[in-house]
């Protein structure tokens, strides 16, 4: 008995084996000459796009014979998006620039001539670096980091303790955005960013510290004075020469009525608002 092999054209074939005149049953097998195979895509892709290396087989040597495209789940109505700058390293490896996007398990189609294979890859999740401190009355903050993408509807924030930050607007797509934070005070708050379900690690931030811009004078017999400034949150304490003072009713975010005892000379004032000192 003998076994022989030959190169077959692409297609489906019947196979049977004869041993000492006895035939096996038929088996159907296929030959897929030139169909590319993808083994690994190790790198994740930044949300603003980036180059990756794909390893596999049957890539050939002609970059012009290869096309690669991706399908983003949130833009399916636009159809496949072409990748660019395809460079064949050898029959088993190539590099390609993947366009901007975000998400995990993103579909990719690698086509060589008329044959193709589908695989998937992932974009990096968001990386959060810092959040500017909001004013006590609430207001604009800027979030800095990377891999935020460029689609506002896919961007969300989680703030602990619970706060809202609305009207998100990109300052620099992928790297920074602004929003309007709820009123609050103090420090030790955490914020994290989610981009289409991929979440960053949280970072801490604080509301702005109180500042004193002006203090109305009072005569030596003592009496009512007013401290002007910003971010006078509740609860707060007034320190006069490092001793607590007494705040009158109707204190506001920008001014504090205060009773001063009789005395003379200069006094040093400071404000501690919800644990953050002026």
C-alpha atoms as a PDB file:
ATOM      1  CA  UNK A   1       0.000   0.000   0.000  1.00  0.00           C
ATOM      2  CA  UNK A   2       1.090   3.576  -0.526  1.00  0.00           C
ATOM      3  CA  UNK A   3       0.028   7.119   0.292  1.00  0.00           C
ATOM      4  CA  UNK A   4       0.606   9.973  -2.109  1.00  0.00           C
ATOM      5  CA  UNK A   5      -0.166  13.675  -1.929  1.00  0.00           C
ATOM      6  CA  UNK A   6      -0.559  16.408  -4.496  1.00  0.00           C
ATOM      7  CA  UNK A   7      -1.447  20.118  -4.413  1.00  0.00           C
ATOM      8  CA  UNK A   8      -5.168  20.561  -5.001  1.00  0.00           C
ATOM      9  CA  UNK A   9      -7.118  23.547  -6.184  1.00  0.00           C
ATOM     10  CA  UNK A  10      -9.499  25.219  -3.783  1.00  0.00           C
ATOM     11  CA  UNK A  11     -12.763  23.323  -3.420  1.00  0.00           C
ATOM     12  CA  UNK A  12     -14.482  20.335  -1.795  1.00  0.00           C
ATOM     13  CA  UNK A  13     -13.277  16.724  -2.284  1.00  0.00           C
ATOM     14  CA  UNK A  14     -14.251  13.160  -1.407  1.00  0.00           C
ATOM     15  CA  UNK A  15     -11.595  11.063   0.306  1.00  0.00           C
ATOM     16  CA  UNK A  16     -11.481   7.313   0.730  1.00  0.00           C
ATOM     17  CA  UNK A  17      -8.637   5.072   1.840  1.00  0.00           C
ATOM     18  CA  UNK A  18      -7.991   1.602   0.311  1.00  0.00           C
ATOM     19  CA  UNK A  19      -6.094  -0.917   2.426  1.00  0.00           C
ATOM     20  CA  UNK A  20      -5.518  -4.394   0.917  1.00  0.00           C
ATOM     21  CA  UNK A  21      -8.419  -3.934  -1.434  1.00  0.00           C
ATOM     22  CA  UNK A  22     -10.811  -2.799   1.275  1.00  0.00           C
ATOM     23  CA  UNK A  23     -12.321   0.699   0.929  1.00  0.00           C
ATOM     24  CA  UNK A  24     -13.011   3.031   3.796  1.00  0.00           C
ATOM     25  CA  UNK A  25     -16.144   5.104   3.776  1.00  0.00           C
ATOM     26  CA  UNK A  26     -15.965   8.440   1.995  1.00  0.00           C
ATOM     27  CA  UNK A  27     -14.995  11.636   3.808  1.00  0.00           C
ATOM     28  CA  UNK A  28     -15.623  15.123   2.481  1.00  0.00           C
ATOM     29  CA  UNK A  29     -12.874  17.692   3.010  1.00  0.00           C
ATOM     30  CA  UNK A  30     -12.172  21.181   1.719  1.00  0.00           C
ATOM     31  CA  UNK A  31      -9.072  22.887   0.396  1.00  0.00           C
ATOM     32  CA  UNK A  32      -8.809  26.613   1.039  1.00  0.00           C
ATOM     33  CA  UNK A  33      -5.711  27.674  -0.810  1.00  0.00           C
ATOM     34  CA  UNK A  34      -4.577  31.178   0.041  1.00  0.00           C
ATOM     35  CA  UNK A  35      -7.164  31.872   2.746  1.00  0.00           C
ATOM     36  CA  UNK A  36      -5.477  34.118   5.312  1.00  0.00           C
ATOM     37  CA  UNK A  37      -5.404  33.047   8.941  1.00  0.00           C
ATOM     38  CA  UNK A  38      -5.009  35.388  11.927  1.00  0.00           C
ATOM     39  CA  UNK A  39      -3.277  34.011  15.000  1.00  0.00           C
ATOM     40  CA  UNK A  40      -2.819  37.030  17.266  1.00  0.00           C
ATOM     41  CA  UNK A  41      -3.468  40.741  17.559  1.00  0.00           C
ATOM     42  CA  UNK A  42      -1.557  41.543  20.739  1.00  0.00           C
ATOM     43  CA  UNK A  43      -1.863  45.308  20.926  1.00  0.00           C
ATOM     44  CA  UNK A  44      -4.868  47.327  21.942  1.00  0.00           C
ATOM     45  CA  UNK A  45      -5.581  50.409  19.844  1.00  0.00           C
ATOM     46  CA  UNK A  46      -5.819  53.989  21.202  1.00  0.00           C
ATOM     47  CA  UNK A  47      -9.216  55.611  20.676  1.00  0.00           C
ATOM     48  CA  UNK A  48      -7.625  58.100  18.275  1.00  0.00           C
ATOM     49  CA  UNK A  49      -6.343  55.209  16.170  1.00  0.00           C
ATOM     50  CA  UNK A  50      -2.971  53.511  15.944  1.00  0.00           C
ATOM     51  CA  UNK A  51      -0.744  50.925  14.307  1.00  0.00           C
ATOM     52  CA  UNK A  52      -0.911  47.248  15.246  1.00  0.00           C
ATOM     53  CA  UNK A  53       0.873  44.084  14.137  1.00  0.00           C
ATOM     54  CA  UNK A  54      -1.169  41.092  12.992  1.00  0.00           C
ATOM     55  CA  UNK A  55       0.407  37.641  12.890  1.00  0.00           C
ATOM     56  CA  UNK A  56      -1.019  34.680  10.984  1.00  0.00           C
ATOM     57  CA  UNK A  57      -0.382  32.978   7.653  1.00  0.00           C
ATOM     58  CA  UNK A  58      -1.068  33.297   3.913  1.00  0.00           C
ATOM     59  CA  UNK A  59      -0.614  37.075   3.869  1.00  0.00           C
ATOM     60  CA  UNK A  60       1.598  36.811   0.779  1.00  0.00           C
ATOM     61  CA  UNK A  61       4.055  39.567  -0.056  1.00  0.00           C
ATOM     62  CA  UNK A  62       1.951  42.166  -1.899  1.00  0.00           C
ATOM     63  CA  UNK A  63       0.443  44.838   0.348  1.00  0.00           C
ATOM     64  CA  UNK A  64      -1.767  45.997  -2.511  1.00  0.00           C
ATOM     65  CA  UNK A  65      -3.525  42.609  -2.540  1.00  0.00           C
ATOM     66  CA  UNK A  66      -4.630  43.033   1.069  1.00  0.00           C
ATOM     67  CA  UNK A  67      -7.560  45.039   2.437  1.00  0.00           C
ATOM     68  CA  UNK A  68      -8.490  45.291   6.114  1.00  0.00           C
ATOM     69  CA  UNK A  69     -11.659  46.834   7.535  1.00  0.00           C
ATOM     70  CA  UNK A  70     -13.413  47.117  10.903  1.00  0.00           C
ATOM     71  CA  UNK A  71     -17.070  47.310  11.937  1.00  0.00           C
ATOM     72  CA  UNK A  72     -17.922  49.488  14.943  1.00  0.00           C
ATOM     73  CA  UNK A  73     -21.052  48.390  16.795  1.00  0.00           C
ATOM     74  CA  UNK A  74     -22.219  51.986  17.347  1.00  0.00           C
ATOM     75  CA  UNK A  75     -21.765  52.913  13.661  1.00  0.00           C
ATOM     76  CA  UNK A  76     -23.052  49.834  11.868  1.00  0.00           C
ATOM     77  CA  UNK A  77     -25.241  51.975   9.621  1.00  0.00           C
ATOM     78  CA  UNK A  78     -22.066  53.414   8.101  1.00  0.00           C
ATOM     79  CA  UNK A  79     -20.775  49.980   7.107  1.00  0.00           C
ATOM     80  CA  UNK A  80     -17.196  48.697   7.348  1.00  0.00           C
ATOM     81  CA  UNK A  81     -14.454  51.281   7.883  1.00  0.00           C
ATOM     82  CA  UNK A  82     -11.226  50.764   5.945  1.00  0.00           C
ATOM     83  CA  UNK A  83      -7.869  50.533   7.685  1.00  0.00           C
ATOM     84  CA  UNK A  84      -4.817  52.148   6.104  1.00  0.00           C
ATOM     85  CA  UNK A  85      -1.040  51.900   5.739  1.00  0.00           C
ATOM     86  CA  UNK A  86      -0.948  48.122   5.330  1.00  0.00           C
ATOM     87  CA  UNK A  87       2.621  46.824   5.206  1.00  0.00           C
ATOM     88  CA  UNK A  88       3.446  43.140   4.714  1.00  0.00           C
ATOM     89  CA  UNK A  89       6.444  42.087   6.780  1.00  0.00           C
ATOM     90  CA  UNK A  90       6.364  38.511   5.465  1.00  0.00           C
ATOM     91  CA  UNK A  91       3.828  35.782   4.744  1.00  0.00           C
ATOM     92  CA  UNK A  92       3.015  35.517   8.467  1.00  0.00           C
ATOM     93  CA  UNK A  93       3.008  39.119   9.709  1.00  0.00           C
ATOM     94  CA  UNK A  94       1.802  42.551   8.663  1.00  0.00           C
ATOM     95  CA  UNK A  95       1.243  45.992  10.176  1.00  0.00           C
ATOM     96  CA  UNK A  96      -1.796  48.215   9.679  1.00  0.00           C
ATOM     97  CA  UNK A  97      -3.140  51.538  10.960  1.00  0.00           C
ATOM     98  CA  UNK A  98      -6.550  51.094  12.626  1.00  0.00           C
ATOM     99  CA  UNK A  99      -8.898  54.139  12.520  1.00  0.00           C
ATOM    100  CA  UNK A 100     -10.275  55.848  15.650  1.00  0.00           C
ATOM    101  CA  UNK A 101     -12.968  54.108  17.680  1.00  0.00           C
ATOM    102  CA  UNK A 102     -13.617  52.433  21.015  1.00  0.00           C
ATOM    103  CA  UNK A 103     -14.925  49.223  22.477  1.00  0.00           C
ATOM    104  CA  UNK A 104     -13.891  45.621  22.964  1.00  0.00           C
ATOM    105  CA  UNK A 105     -14.174  42.611  20.644  1.00  0.00           C
ATOM    106  CA  UNK A 106     -14.422  44.872  17.609  1.00  0.00           C
ATOM    107  CA  UNK A 107     -14.910  42.944  14.347  1.00  0.00           C
ATOM    108  CA  UNK A 108     -12.065  43.038  11.812  1.00  0.00           C
ATOM    109  CA  UNK A 109     -11.989  41.564   8.285  1.00  0.00           C
ATOM    110  CA  UNK A 110      -8.636  40.672   6.722  1.00  0.00           C
ATOM    111  CA  UNK A 111      -8.892  40.000   2.983  1.00  0.00           C
ATOM    112  CA  UNK A 112      -6.151  38.736   0.659  1.00  0.00           C
ATOM    113  CA  UNK A 113      -7.270  38.841  -2.974  1.00  0.00           C
ATOM    114  CA  UNK A 114     -10.657  37.044  -2.951  1.00  0.00           C
ATOM    115  CA  UNK A 115     -10.131  35.201   0.344  1.00  0.00           C
ATOM    116  CA  UNK A 116     -10.774  36.634   3.774  1.00  0.00           C
ATOM    117  CA  UNK A 117     -10.940  35.842   7.479  1.00  0.00           C
ATOM    118  CA  UNK A 118     -12.686  37.655  10.340  1.00  0.00           C
ATOM    119  CA  UNK A 119     -11.180  38.275  13.758  1.00  0.00           C
ATOM    120  CA  UNK A 120     -11.519  40.858  16.542  1.00  0.00           C
ATOM    121  CA  UNK A 121      -9.473  43.303  18.594  1.00  0.00           C
ATOM    122  CA  UNK A 122     -10.026  45.870  21.362  1.00  0.00           C
ATOM    123  CA  UNK A 123      -9.437  49.569  21.869  1.00  0.00           C
ATOM    124  CA  UNK A 124      -7.891  50.848  25.074  1.00  0.00           C
ATOM    125  CA  UNK A 125     -10.309  51.863  27.816  1.00  0.00           C
ATOM    126  CA  UNK A 126     -10.265  55.445  29.153  1.00  0.00           C
ATOM    127  CA  UNK A 127      -7.391  56.616  31.351  1.00  0.00           C
ATOM    128  CA  UNK A 128      -8.262  59.375  33.833  1.00  0.00           C
ATOM    129  CA  UNK A 129      -5.501  61.659  35.123  1.00  0.00           C
ATOM    130  CA  UNK A 130      -7.089  64.628  36.891  1.00  0.00           C
ATOM    131  CA  UNK A 131     -10.193  66.744  37.469  1.00  0.00           C
ATOM    132  CA  UNK A 132     -10.026  70.487  38.089  1.00  0.00           C
ATOM    133  CA  UNK A 133     -11.671  71.538  41.381  1.00  0.00           C
ATOM    134  CA  UNK A 134     -15.232  72.857  40.986  1.00  0.00           C
ATOM    135  CA  UNK A 135     -16.496  75.909  42.889  1.00  0.00           C
ATOM    136  CA  UNK A 136     -18.672  75.244  45.938  1.00  0.00           C
ATOM    137  CA  UNK A 137     -21.694  76.707  44.150  1.00  0.00           C
ATOM    138  CA  UNK A 138     -21.120  74.267  41.288  1.00  0.00           C
ATOM    139  CA  UNK A 139     -19.670  75.074  37.904  1.00  0.00           C
ATOM    140  CA  UNK A 140     -17.352  74.135  35.081  1.00  0.00           C
ATOM    141  CA  UNK A 141     -14.684  71.453  35.533  1.00  0.00           C
ATOM    142  CA  UNK A 142     -12.236  69.961  33.063  1.00  0.00           C
ATOM    143  CA  UNK A 143     -11.349  66.268  33.017  1.00  0.00           C
ATOM    144  CA  UNK A 144      -7.884  65.348  31.699  1.00  0.00           C
ATOM    145  CA  UNK A 145      -6.601  61.968  30.578  1.00  0.00           C
ATOM    146  CA  UNK A 146      -6.549  59.947  27.381  1.00  0.00           C
ATOM    147  CA  UNK A 147      -8.554  57.503  25.292  1.00  0.00           C
ATOM    148  CA  UNK A 148     -11.869  59.283  25.886  1.00  0.00           C
ATOM    149  CA  UNK A 149     -12.934  58.899  22.258  1.00  0.00           C
ATOM    150  CA  UNK A 150     -14.712  61.642  20.350  1.00  0.00           C
ATOM    151  CA  UNK A 151     -18.420  60.777  20.651  1.00  0.00           C
ATOM    152  CA  UNK A 152     -20.102  62.629  23.504  1.00  0.00           C
ATOM    153  CA  UNK A 153     -23.075  60.265  23.764  1.00  0.00           C
ATOM    154  CA  UNK A 154     -20.766  57.392  24.713  1.00  0.00           C
ATOM    155  CA  UNK A 155     -19.124  59.285  27.565  1.00  0.00           C
ATOM    156  CA  UNK A 156     -20.348  59.111  31.177  1.00  0.00           C
ATOM    157  CA  UNK A 157     -19.037  59.971  34.634  1.00  0.00           C
ATOM    158  CA  UNK A 158     -19.508  58.331  38.009  1.00  0.00           C
ATOM    159  CA  UNK A 159     -18.864  60.554  41.028  1.00  0.00           C
ATOM    160  CA  UNK A 160     -18.749  59.306  44.628  1.00  0.00           C
ATOM    161  CA  UNK A 161     -20.450  60.645  46.750  1.00  0.00           C
ATOM    162  CA  UNK A 162     -23.217  60.981  44.176  1.00  0.00           C
ATOM    163  CA  UNK A 163     -22.927  64.139  42.075  1.00  0.00           C
ATOM    164  CA  UNK A 164     -23.882  65.020  38.531  1.00  0.00           C
ATOM    165  CA  UNK A 165     -21.731  66.608  35.855  1.00  0.00           C
ATOM    166  CA  UNK A 166     -23.869  67.659  32.883  1.00  0.00           C
ATOM    167  CA  UNK A 167     -23.404  69.322  29.487  1.00  0.00           C
ATOM    168  CA  UNK A 168     -20.303  67.354  28.522  1.00  0.00           C
ATOM    169  CA  UNK A 169     -18.249  69.052  25.828  1.00  0.00           C
ATOM    170  CA  UNK A 170     -14.894  67.965  24.399  1.00  0.00           C
ATOM    171  CA  UNK A 171     -12.012  70.362  24.919  1.00  0.00           C
ATOM    172  CA  UNK A 172      -9.629  68.111  22.971  1.00  0.00           C
ATOM    173  CA  UNK A 173     -11.197  64.882  21.664  1.00  0.00           C
ATOM    174  CA  UNK A 174      -9.661  61.749  23.185  1.00  0.00           C
ATOM    175  CA  UNK A 175      -7.738  63.769  25.813  1.00  0.00           C
ATOM    176  CA  UNK A 176      -9.966  66.227  27.726  1.00  0.00           C
ATOM    177  CA  UNK A 177     -13.556  67.355  28.166  1.00  0.00           C
ATOM    178  CA  UNK A 178     -15.518  69.758  30.353  1.00  0.00           C
ATOM    179  CA  UNK A 179     -18.851  69.538  32.167  1.00  0.00           C
ATOM    180  CA  UNK A 180     -20.866  71.405  34.818  1.00  0.00           C
ATOM    181  CA  UNK A 181     -20.518  69.851  38.272  1.00  0.00           C
ATOM    182  CA  UNK A 182     -23.214  69.971  40.966  1.00  0.00           C
ATOM    183  CA  UNK A 183     -22.765  72.221  43.993  1.00  0.00           C
ATOM    184  CA  UNK A 184     -20.865  70.644  46.870  1.00  0.00           C
ATOM    185  CA  UNK A 185     -17.922  71.056  49.182  1.00  0.00           C
ATOM    186  CA  UNK A 186     -15.003  69.295  50.755  1.00  0.00           C
ATOM    187  CA  UNK A 187     -12.493  66.812  49.448  1.00  0.00           C
ATOM    188  CA  UNK A 188     -12.054  63.093  49.098  1.00  0.00           C
ATOM    189  CA  UNK A 189     -14.501  62.744  46.208  1.00  0.00           C
ATOM    190  CA  UNK A 190     -13.810  60.192  43.474  1.00  0.00           C
ATOM    191  CA  UNK A 191     -14.626  60.421  39.781  1.00  0.00           C
ATOM    192  CA  UNK A 192     -14.318  57.775  37.060  1.00  0.00           C
ATOM    193  CA  UNK A 193     -15.037  57.908  33.325  1.00  0.00           C
ATOM    194  CA  UNK A 194     -16.890  55.340  31.228  1.00  0.00           C
ATOM    195  CA  UNK A 195     -16.586  55.217  27.433  1.00  0.00           C
ATOM    196  CA  UNK A 196     -19.193  52.874  25.950  1.00  0.00           C
ATOM    197  CA  UNK A 197     -18.945  50.577  28.975  1.00  0.00           C
ATOM    198  CA  UNK A 198     -15.165  50.657  29.436  1.00  0.00           C
ATOM    199  CA  UNK A 199     -14.366  52.317  32.773  1.00  0.00           C
ATOM    200  CA  UNK A 200     -11.270  54.150  33.982  1.00  0.00           C
ATOM    201  CA  UNK A 201      -9.754  53.828  37.416  1.00  0.00           C
ATOM    202  CA  UNK A 202     -11.107  56.558  39.728  1.00  0.00           C
ATOM    203  CA  UNK A 203      -9.125  59.625  40.753  1.00  0.00           C
ATOM    204  CA  UNK A 204      -9.757  61.898  43.721  1.00  0.00           C
ATOM    205  CA  UNK A 205     -10.714  65.553  43.527  1.00  0.00           C
ATOM    206  CA  UNK A 206     -11.800  68.334  45.880  1.00  0.00           C
ATOM    207  CA  UNK A 207     -14.034  71.337  45.659  1.00  0.00           C
ATOM    208  CA  UNK A 208     -12.287  74.698  45.591  1.00  0.00           C
ATOM    209  CA  UNK A 209     -10.854  76.007  48.854  1.00  0.00           C
ATOM    210  CA  UNK A 210     -12.390  79.120  50.428  1.00  0.00           C
ATOM    211  CA  UNK A 211     -10.662  82.408  49.660  1.00  0.00           C
ATOM    212  CA  UNK A 212     -10.871  85.742  51.519  1.00  0.00           C
ATOM    213  CA  UNK A 213     -10.817  88.866  49.351  1.00  0.00           C
ATOM    214  CA  UNK A 214     -11.871  91.584  51.842  1.00  0.00           C
ATOM    215  CA  UNK A 215     -12.700  92.062  55.529  1.00  0.00           C
ATOM    216  CA  UNK A 216     -14.694  95.076  56.727  1.00  0.00           C
ATOM    217  CA  UNK A 217     -13.038  96.892  59.616  1.00  0.00           C
ATOM    218  CA  UNK A 218     -14.621  97.207  63.074  1.00  0.00           C
ATOM    219  CA  UNK A 219     -13.873  99.614  65.932  1.00  0.00           C
ATOM    220  CA  UNK A 220     -12.245  98.643  69.208  1.00  0.00           C
ATOM    221  CA  UNK A 221     -15.570  98.073  70.962  1.00  0.00           C
ATOM    222  CA  UNK A 222     -16.252  95.134  68.683  1.00  0.00           C
ATOM    223  CA  UNK A 223     -19.358  94.454  66.620  1.00  0.00           C
ATOM    224  CA  UNK A 224     -20.519  93.124  63.299  1.00  0.00           C
ATOM    225  CA  UNK A 225     -18.113  92.780  60.382  1.00  0.00           C
ATOM    226  CA  UNK A 226     -18.346  90.953  57.065  1.00  0.00           C
ATOM    227  CA  UNK A 227     -15.805  88.690  55.383  1.00  0.00           C
ATOM    228  CA  UNK A 228     -15.996  88.659  51.578  1.00  0.00           C
ATOM    229  CA  UNK A 229     -14.623  85.964  49.354  1.00  0.00           C
ATOM    230  CA  UNK A 230     -15.607  82.768  47.627  1.00  0.00           C
ATOM    231  CA  UNK A 231     -16.435  79.134  48.346  1.00  0.00           C
ATOM    232  CA  UNK A 232     -17.650  79.638  51.916  1.00  0.00           C
ATOM    233  CA  UNK A 233     -19.276  76.213  52.142  1.00  0.00           C
ATOM    234  CA  UNK A 234     -21.305  74.822  55.021  1.00  0.00           C
ATOM    235  CA  UNK A 235     -20.192  73.624  57.521  1.00  0.00           C
ATOM    236  CA  UNK A 236     -17.469  76.220  58.016  1.00  0.00           C
ATOM    237  CA  UNK A 237     -15.376  77.700  60.819  1.00  0.00           C
ATOM    238  CA  UNK A 238     -13.842  81.154  61.150  1.00  0.00           C
ATOM    239  CA  UNK A 239     -10.460  81.397  62.857  1.00  0.00           C
ATOM    240  CA  UNK A 240      -9.279  84.725  64.281  1.00  0.00           C
ATOM    241  CA  UNK A 241      -5.660  84.592  65.365  1.00  0.00           C
ATOM    242  CA  UNK A 242      -6.178  80.799  65.247  1.00  0.00           C
ATOM    243  CA  UNK A 243      -9.152  81.011  67.648  1.00  0.00           C
ATOM    244  CA  UNK A 244     -12.675  80.077  66.493  1.00  0.00           C
ATOM    245  CA  UNK A 245     -15.026  83.030  65.895  1.00  0.00           C
ATOM    246  CA  UNK A 246     -18.828  83.069  65.818  1.00  0.00           C
ATOM    247  CA  UNK A 247     -20.635  83.301  62.470  1.00  0.00           C
ATOM    248  CA  UNK A 248     -23.907  85.195  62.260  1.00  0.00           C
ATOM    249  CA  UNK A 249     -26.980  83.794  60.523  1.00  0.00           C
ATOM    250  CA  UNK A 250     -27.578  84.119  56.769  1.00  0.00           C
ATOM    251  CA  UNK A 251     -24.020  83.324  55.745  1.00  0.00           C
ATOM    252  CA  UNK A 252     -23.649  83.118  51.960  1.00  0.00           C
ATOM    253  CA  UNK A 253     -21.242  81.416  49.571  1.00  0.00           C
ATOM    254  CA  UNK A 254     -19.470  84.751  48.977  1.00  0.00           C
ATOM    255  CA  UNK A 255     -19.735  86.572  52.323  1.00  0.00           C
ATOM    256  CA  UNK A 256     -19.851  85.762  56.038  1.00  0.00           C
ATOM    257  CA  UNK A 257     -21.310  88.142  58.679  1.00  0.00           C
ATOM    258  CA  UNK A 258     -19.273  87.850  61.871  1.00  0.00           C
ATOM    259  CA  UNK A 259     -19.398  89.259  65.404  1.00  0.00           C
ATOM    260  CA  UNK A 260     -16.018  90.489  66.589  1.00  0.00           C
ATOM    261  CA  UNK A 261     -15.212  90.937  70.269  1.00  0.00           C
ATOM    262  CA  UNK A 262     -13.747  94.193  71.540  1.00  0.00           C
ATOM    263  CA  UNK A 263     -10.006  94.678  71.119  1.00  0.00           C
ATOM    264  CA  UNK A 264      -7.406  96.511  69.124  1.00  0.00           C
ATOM    265  CA  UNK A 265      -4.640  95.876  66.627  1.00  0.00           C
ATOM    266  CA  UNK A 266      -4.461  93.583  63.624  1.00  0.00           C
ATOM    267  CA  UNK A 267      -6.086  90.160  63.551  1.00  0.00           C
ATOM    268  CA  UNK A 268      -5.401  87.204  61.284  1.00  0.00           C
ATOM    269  CA  UNK A 269      -8.484  85.585  59.735  1.00  0.00           C
ATOM    270  CA  UNK A 270      -8.836  82.209  58.048  1.00  0.00           C
ATOM    271  CA  UNK A 271     -11.834  80.135  56.914  1.00  0.00           C
ATOM    272  CA  UNK A 272     -12.184  76.363  57.023  1.00  0.00           C
ATOM    273  CA  UNK A 273     -15.056  75.187  54.816  1.00  0.00           C
ATOM    274  CA  UNK A 274     -16.013  71.510  55.070  1.00  0.00           C
ATOM    275  CA  UNK A 275     -12.471  70.599  56.025  1.00  0.00           C
ATOM    276  CA  UNK A 276     -10.672  72.663  53.347  1.00  0.00           C
ATOM    277  CA  UNK A 277      -8.765  75.705  54.607  1.00  0.00           C
ATOM    278  CA  UNK A 278      -8.310  79.131  53.038  1.00  0.00           C
END
